Amino acid sequence: MANIKELKKKIKSTKSTSKITQAMKLVSAAKLAKAQHNIVNSRPYARELESTIKVVSALVQDYDHEYLHEKKDNNKAVLLVISSDKGLCGSYNSQLAKKVRKFLEETNLEVKIYFIGKKVRDLLDSTYNKGKTFTFVKNEPTFIEMEHVGVELGELFTKGEVGKVFLAYNIFHSALAFDPEVKQMLPMTMDLSEKEEMAEKFPFDFKYDPNATEILNTLIPQTYISTLYTALLDAVAAEHGTRMSAMDSASSNCKKAIRTLSIKMNKKRQAAITTELSEVVSGAESLNG
């Protein structure tokens, strides 16, 4: 069993760990507040833009765009995975890696995986076809940097090197909740039933200025990049939320460990004092004979 000196060392070490986890919790809480503000403000714009694209492209006749082309004869695809560069964030990366593995096992496509963040890349074994890992000036890429990523992946699609572009990331719900998601980015197609539903919902002609083709040619690339950047904001908010929660749990566990170790140390100290007193009393009695 551990002696008093060893217990003191453990208590001191646990207190140091507790200070670190408390500090990380506070940092993550501050970052979460900013990230949550960003995603809450970005989602309505992205959703409205996507909705507008669906309506206009469904109603405009004989319109075509390179991002809408289905390449049914192309069996290759690229998957962009947005994870974290750092750990200590609970199941944030492991759940996303599990979702990616499931997608790769169920698809019939030949998928090459690109990464933002290295944690999921490290969790996937070498049997998967791993491609480029994007790096940025700061840990969290800017809109312009994400635009460059989107354009690079978009060119793989438009040049016919891949037939589909997918995105894997964690959707932020709250500091305690997120969902891993894999969604198709390109081609930006709608089912025939969706187009018919739009035509029934808007049984009249819109007036466009400039014409519908110019509007769609501008909005479709913007929608693609906006969706990609919104996914990044989701992933960042989910990361900070799970890290804050994980550090809160770690801090609570440290406090419990310190309390348990302190009780154990005090019991050992009391036992040692009792033993010493007994020895003193026994010695005194033997002297008094």
Protein backbone atom coordinates (compact mmCIF):
# COMPACT_ATOMS: atom_id res chain seq x y z
CA MET A 1 0.00 0.00 0.00
CA ALA A 2 1.06 3.55 -0.66
CA ASN A 3 2.65 5.38 2.24
CA ILE A 4 1.88 8.95 3.35
CA LYS A 5 4.73 10.46 1.32
CA GLU A 6 3.52 8.80 -1.89
CA LEU A 7 -0.05 9.93 -1.24
CA LYS A 8 1.12 13.52 -0.74
CA LYS A 9 2.91 13.37 -4.11
CA LYS A 10 -0.23 12.01 -5.79
CA ILE A 11 -2.39 14.75 -4.26
CA LYS A 12 0.05 17.44 -5.39
CA SER A 13 0.18 16.00 -8.92
CA THR A 14 -3.63 15.74 -9.13
CA LYS A 15 -4.02 19.35 -7.97
CA SER A 16 -1.64 20.47 -10.75
CA THR A 17 -3.68 18.49 -13.29
CA SER A 18 -6.87 20.06 -11.95
CA LYS A 19 -5.46 23.57 -12.51
CA ILE A 20 -4.64 22.67 -16.14
CA THR A 21 -8.07 21.17 -16.85
CA GLN A 22 -9.81 24.17 -15.25
CA ALA A 23 -7.78 26.56 -17.41
CA MET A 24 -8.53 24.54 -20.57
CA LYS A 25 -12.22 24.52 -19.67
CA LEU A 26 -12.27 28.32 -19.37
CA VAL A 27 -10.39 28.77 -22.66
CA SER A 28 -12.75 26.38 -24.46
CA ALA A 29 -15.79 28.14 -22.96
CA ALA A 30 -14.56 31.50 -24.32
CA LYS A 31 -13.85 30.00 -27.76
CA LEU A 32 -17.22 28.21 -27.75
CA ALA A 33 -19.07 31.48 -27.17
CA LYS A 34 -17.46 32.98 -30.29
CA ALA A 35 -17.87 29.81 -32.38
CA GLN A 36 -21.52 29.43 -31.37
CA HIS A 37 -22.19 33.04 -32.33
CA ASN A 38 -20.58 32.43 -35.75
CA ILE A 39 -22.52 29.26 -36.57
CA VAL A 40 -25.86 30.65 -35.36
CA ASN A 41 -25.40 33.68 -37.64
CA SER A 42 -24.12 31.66 -40.60
CA ARG A 43 -26.76 28.92 -40.74
CA PRO A 44 -29.76 31.08 -41.78
CA TYR A 45 -27.80 32.59 -44.69
CA ALA A 46 -26.57 29.18 -45.88
CA ARG A 47 -30.04 27.63 -45.63
CA GLU A 48 -31.75 30.52 -47.42
CA LEU A 49 -29.13 30.49 -50.17
CA GLU A 50 -29.57 26.74 -50.66
CA SER A 51 -33.35 27.11 -50.67
CA THR A 52 -33.15 29.89 -53.29
CA ILE A 53 -30.93 27.75 -55.51
CA LYS A 54 -33.37 24.85 -55.30
CA VAL A 55 -36.35 27.02 -56.21
CA VAL A 56 -34.76 28.86 -59.12
CA SER A 57 -32.95 25.84 -60.62
CA ALA A 58 -36.15 23.77 -60.39
CA LEU A 59 -38.25 26.39 -62.18
CA VAL A 60 -35.79 27.52 -64.87
CA GLN A 61 -36.02 25.40 -67.99
CA ASP A 62 -32.98 24.03 -69.86
CA TYR A 63 -30.45 25.39 -67.39
CA ASP A 64 -27.14 23.62 -66.88
CA HIS A 65 -24.12 24.19 -64.63
CA GLU A 66 -20.92 22.19 -64.20
CA TYR A 67 -21.68 21.64 -60.49
CA LEU A 68 -25.01 20.02 -61.44
CA HIS A 69 -23.58 17.40 -63.82
CA GLU A 70 -24.06 13.82 -62.67
CA LYS A 71 -21.13 11.63 -63.71
CA LYS A 72 -22.74 8.22 -63.42
CA ASP A 73 -19.92 6.49 -65.29
CA ASN A 74 -17.27 7.86 -62.87
CA ASN A 75 -16.80 5.56 -59.87
CA LYS A 76 -14.22 7.77 -58.13
CA ALA A 77 -15.02 10.16 -55.30
CA VAL A 78 -13.27 12.41 -52.81
CA LEU A 79 -14.22 12.79 -49.14
CA LEU A 80 -13.15 15.84 -47.13
CA VAL A 81 -13.02 15.09 -43.38
CA ILE A 82 -13.06 18.05 -40.97
CA SER A 83 -11.68 16.98 -37.57
CA SER A 84 -9.42 18.54 -34.93
CA ASP A 85 -5.65 18.92 -34.67
CA LYS A 86 -5.74 18.52 -30.88
CA GLY A 87 -7.15 15.87 -28.57
CA LEU A 88 -8.73 16.09 -25.10
CA CYS A 89 -12.17 16.67 -26.64
CA GLY A 90 -14.06 13.54 -25.63
CA SER A 91 -15.54 11.43 -28.42
CA TYR A 92 -15.45 14.26 -30.96
CA ASN A 93 -12.93 12.58 -33.28
CA SER A 94 -13.67 8.92 -32.51
CA GLN A 95 -17.38 9.23 -33.39
CA LEU A 96 -16.55 11.04 -36.64
CA ALA A 97 -13.96 8.36 -37.52
CA LYS A 98 -16.61 5.69 -36.86
CA LYS A 99 -19.04 7.49 -39.19
CA VAL A 100 -16.38 7.77 -41.90
CA ARG A 101 -15.51 4.07 -41.63
CA LYS A 102 -19.17 3.12 -41.94
CA PHE A 103 -19.59 5.32 -45.03
CA LEU A 104 -16.49 3.85 -46.68
CA GLU A 105 -17.59 0.28 -45.93
CA GLU A 106 -21.09 0.81 -47.33
CA THR A 107 -20.26 2.79 -50.49
CA ASN A 108 -19.37 1.19 -53.82
CA LEU A 109 -17.28 4.20 -54.82
CA GLU A 110 -13.50 4.37 -54.93
CA VAL A 111 -12.97 7.09 -52.33
CA LYS A 112 -9.87 9.17 -51.69
CA ILE A 113 -9.88 10.97 -48.33
CA TYR A 114 -8.70 14.56 -47.84
CA PHE A 115 -8.37 16.04 -44.35
CA ILE A 116 -8.68 19.26 -42.39
CA GLY A 117 -7.24 18.37 -38.99
CA LYS A 118 -5.12 15.29 -38.34
CA LYS A 119 -6.90 13.39 -35.55
CA VAL A 120 -9.33 11.38 -37.70
CA ARG A 121 -6.55 10.83 -40.24
CA ASP A 122 -4.48 9.23 -37.45
CA LEU A 123 -7.44 7.11 -36.30
CA LEU A 124 -8.03 5.61 -39.76
CA ASP A 125 -5.78 2.68 -40.60
CA SER A 126 -3.45 2.49 -43.60
CA THR A 127 -5.86 0.44 -45.73
CA TYR A 128 -7.82 3.58 -46.60
CA ASN A 129 -6.76 5.74 -49.55
CA LYS A 130 -5.53 8.89 -47.80
CA GLY A 131 -4.81 12.02 -49.81
CA LYS A 132 -3.87 15.58 -48.93
CA THR A 133 -4.07 17.13 -45.47
CA PHE A 134 -4.80 20.87 -45.76
CA THR A 135 -2.78 23.19 -43.52
CA PHE A 136 -3.50 26.81 -42.67
CA VAL A 137 -1.84 29.83 -41.07
CA LYS A 138 -3.95 29.40 -37.93
CA ASN A 139 -5.67 26.35 -36.46
CA GLU A 140 -9.07 27.52 -37.68
CA PRO A 141 -9.11 28.39 -41.43
CA THR A 142 -10.66 31.61 -42.67
CA PHE A 143 -13.44 31.88 -45.26
CA ILE A 144 -10.88 32.66 -47.98
CA GLU A 145 -8.81 29.61 -47.06
CA MET A 146 -11.91 27.40 -47.10
CA GLU A 147 -12.82 28.89 -50.48
CA HIS A 148 -9.44 27.73 -51.83
CA VAL A 149 -10.13 24.24 -50.45
CA GLY A 150 -13.58 24.22 -52.06
CA VAL A 151 -12.23 25.40 -55.42
CA GLU A 152 -9.51 22.71 -55.39
CA LEU A 153 -12.02 19.94 -54.71
CA GLY A 154 -14.48 21.48 -57.18
CA GLU A 155 -11.85 21.34 -59.92
CA LEU A 156 -11.36 17.62 -59.29
CA PHE A 157 -15.08 17.25 -60.00
CA THR A 158 -15.36 19.57 -63.01
CA LYS A 159 -12.28 18.06 -64.68
CA GLY A 160 -13.78 14.59 -64.35
CA GLU A 161 -11.13 13.22 -61.98
CA VAL A 162 -13.91 12.31 -59.52
CA GLY A 163 -17.63 11.83 -59.94
CA LYS A 164 -18.68 12.95 -56.46
CA VAL A 165 -17.43 15.16 -53.62
CA PHE A 166 -18.45 14.33 -50.04
CA LEU A 167 -17.95 16.11 -46.74
CA ALA A 168 -17.66 14.55 -43.26
CA TYR A 169 -17.95 16.73 -40.15
CA ASN A 170 -19.65 17.09 -36.76
CA ILE A 171 -22.88 19.09 -36.60
CA PHE A 172 -23.04 21.31 -33.51
CA HIS A 173 -26.20 21.21 -31.39
CA SER A 174 -25.01 22.31 -27.96
CA ALA A 175 -21.98 22.10 -25.68
CA LEU A 176 -23.07 18.55 -24.81
CA ALA A 177 -24.44 17.34 -28.15
CA PHE A 178 -23.21 16.91 -31.71
CA ASP A 179 -23.86 14.53 -34.59
CA PRO A 180 -21.28 13.20 -37.08
CA GLU A 181 -22.50 13.63 -40.66
CA VAL A 182 -21.41 12.63 -44.17
CA LYS A 183 -23.11 14.67 -46.92
CA GLN A 184 -22.74 14.96 -50.68
CA MET A 185 -21.44 18.33 -51.85
CA LEU A 186 -21.13 17.71 -55.60
CA PRO A 187 -23.01 17.24 -57.81
CA MET A 188 -25.64 19.59 -56.39
CA THR A 189 -28.58 17.64 -57.75
CA MET A 190 -32.26 17.42 -56.83
CA ASP A 191 -34.54 14.44 -57.16
CA LEU A 192 -37.31 14.65 -59.74
CA SER A 193 -39.86 14.56 -56.90
CA GLU A 194 -38.20 17.66 -55.33
CA LYS A 195 -38.38 19.55 -58.63
CA GLU A 196 -42.05 18.63 -59.08
CA GLU A 197 -42.75 19.74 -55.51
CA MET A 198 -41.10 23.11 -56.19
CA ALA A 199 -43.10 23.53 -59.42
CA GLU A 200 -46.35 22.87 -57.52
CA LYS A 201 -45.36 25.22 -54.70
CA PHE A 202 -44.52 28.07 -57.11
CA PRO A 203 -46.97 27.73 -60.05
CA PHE A 204 -46.05 31.16 -61.44
CA ASP A 205 -43.16 32.75 -63.30
CA PHE A 206 -40.54 34.86 -61.54
CA LYS A 207 -39.03 37.94 -63.12
CA TYR A 208 -35.23 37.92 -62.98
CA ASP A 209 -32.81 40.81 -63.17
CA PRO A 210 -30.33 39.97 -64.52
CA ASN A 211 -31.55 36.78 -66.20
CA ALA A 212 -31.90 33.49 -64.33
CA THR A 213 -28.80 31.98 -65.93
CA GLU A 214 -26.53 34.77 -64.68
CA ILE A 215 -28.06 34.57 -61.21
CA LEU A 216 -27.58 30.81 -60.96
CA ASN A 217 -24.07 30.98 -62.39
CA THR A 218 -23.21 33.31 -59.51
CA LEU A 219 -25.23 31.70 -56.72
CA ILE A 220 -24.40 28.02 -57.28
CA PRO A 221 -20.63 28.39 -56.59
CA GLN A 222 -21.43 30.70 -53.67
CA THR A 223 -23.83 28.11 -52.23
CA TYR A 224 -21.20 25.39 -52.54
CA ILE A 225 -18.54 27.45 -50.73
CA SER A 226 -21.03 28.75 -48.15
CA THR A 227 -22.14 25.20 -47.31
CA LEU A 228 -18.51 24.14 -46.93
CA TYR A 229 -17.67 27.07 -44.63
CA THR A 230 -20.82 26.57 -42.55
CA ALA A 231 -19.80 22.93 -42.03
CA LEU A 232 -16.41 24.15 -40.79
CA LEU A 233 -18.12 26.52 -38.31
CA ASP A 234 -20.27 23.61 -37.12
CA ALA A 235 -17.18 21.46 -36.63
CA VAL A 236 -15.29 24.19 -34.75
CA ALA A 237 -18.20 24.89 -32.40
CA ALA A 238 -18.68 21.16 -31.74
CA GLU A 239 -14.97 20.76 -30.98
CA HIS A 240 -14.88 23.59 -28.43
CA GLY A 241 -18.13 22.39 -26.86
CA THR A 242 -16.94 18.81 -26.40
CA ARG A 243 -13.53 19.93 -25.12
CA MET A 244 -15.17 22.23 -22.56
CA SER A 245 -17.41 19.36 -21.43
CA ALA A 246 -14.48 16.92 -21.31
CA MET A 247 -12.35 19.32 -19.24
CA ASP A 248 -15.27 19.95 -16.88
CA SER A 249 -15.57 16.20 -16.31
CA ALA A 250 -11.80 15.91 -15.87
CA SER A 251 -11.82 18.70 -13.28
CA SER A 252 -14.64 16.98 -11.36
CA ASN A 253 -12.74 13.70 -11.43
CA CYS A 254 -9.62 15.45 -10.13
CA LYS A 255 -11.59 16.87 -7.20
CA LYS A 256 -12.99 13.42 -6.39
CA ALA A 257 -9.52 11.88 -6.62
CA ILE A 258 -8.04 14.55 -4.34
CA ARG A 259 -10.83 13.98 -1.79
CA THR A 260 -10.33 10.19 -1.89
CA LEU A 261 -6.54 10.45 -1.58
CA SER A 262 -6.82 12.99 1.26
CA ILE A 263 -9.13 10.68 3.24
CA LYS A 264 -6.77 7.76 2.67
CA MET A 265 -3.76 9.87 3.73
CA ASN A 266 -5.52 11.13 6.87
CA LYS A 267 -6.46 7.58 7.87
CA LYS A 268 -2.86 6.46 7.45
CA ARG A 269 -1.65 9.49 9.44
CA GLN A 270 -4.14 8.75 12.24
CA ALA A 271 -3.08 5.11 12.26
CA ALA A 272 0.60 6.14 12.46
CA ILE A 273 -0.14 8.55 15.34
CA THR A 274 -2.13 5.87 17.16
CA THR A 275 0.73 3.40 16.73
CA GLU A 276 3.26 5.91 18.05
CA LEU A 277 1.09 6.74 21.06
CA SER A 278 0.68 3.07 21.82
CA GLU A 279 4.44 2.61 21.68
CA VAL A 280 4.99 5.60 24.02
CA VAL A 281 2.42 4.35 26.50
CA SER A 282 3.85 0.83 26.38
CA GLY A 283 7.38 2.21 26.93
CA ALA A 284 6.24 4.34 29.87
CA GLU A 285 4.47 1.42 31.47
CA SER A 286 7.53 -0.82 31.08
CA LEU A 287 9.71 1.85 32.75
CA ASN A 288 7.30 2.23 35.63
CA GLY A 289 7.49 -1.58 35.85
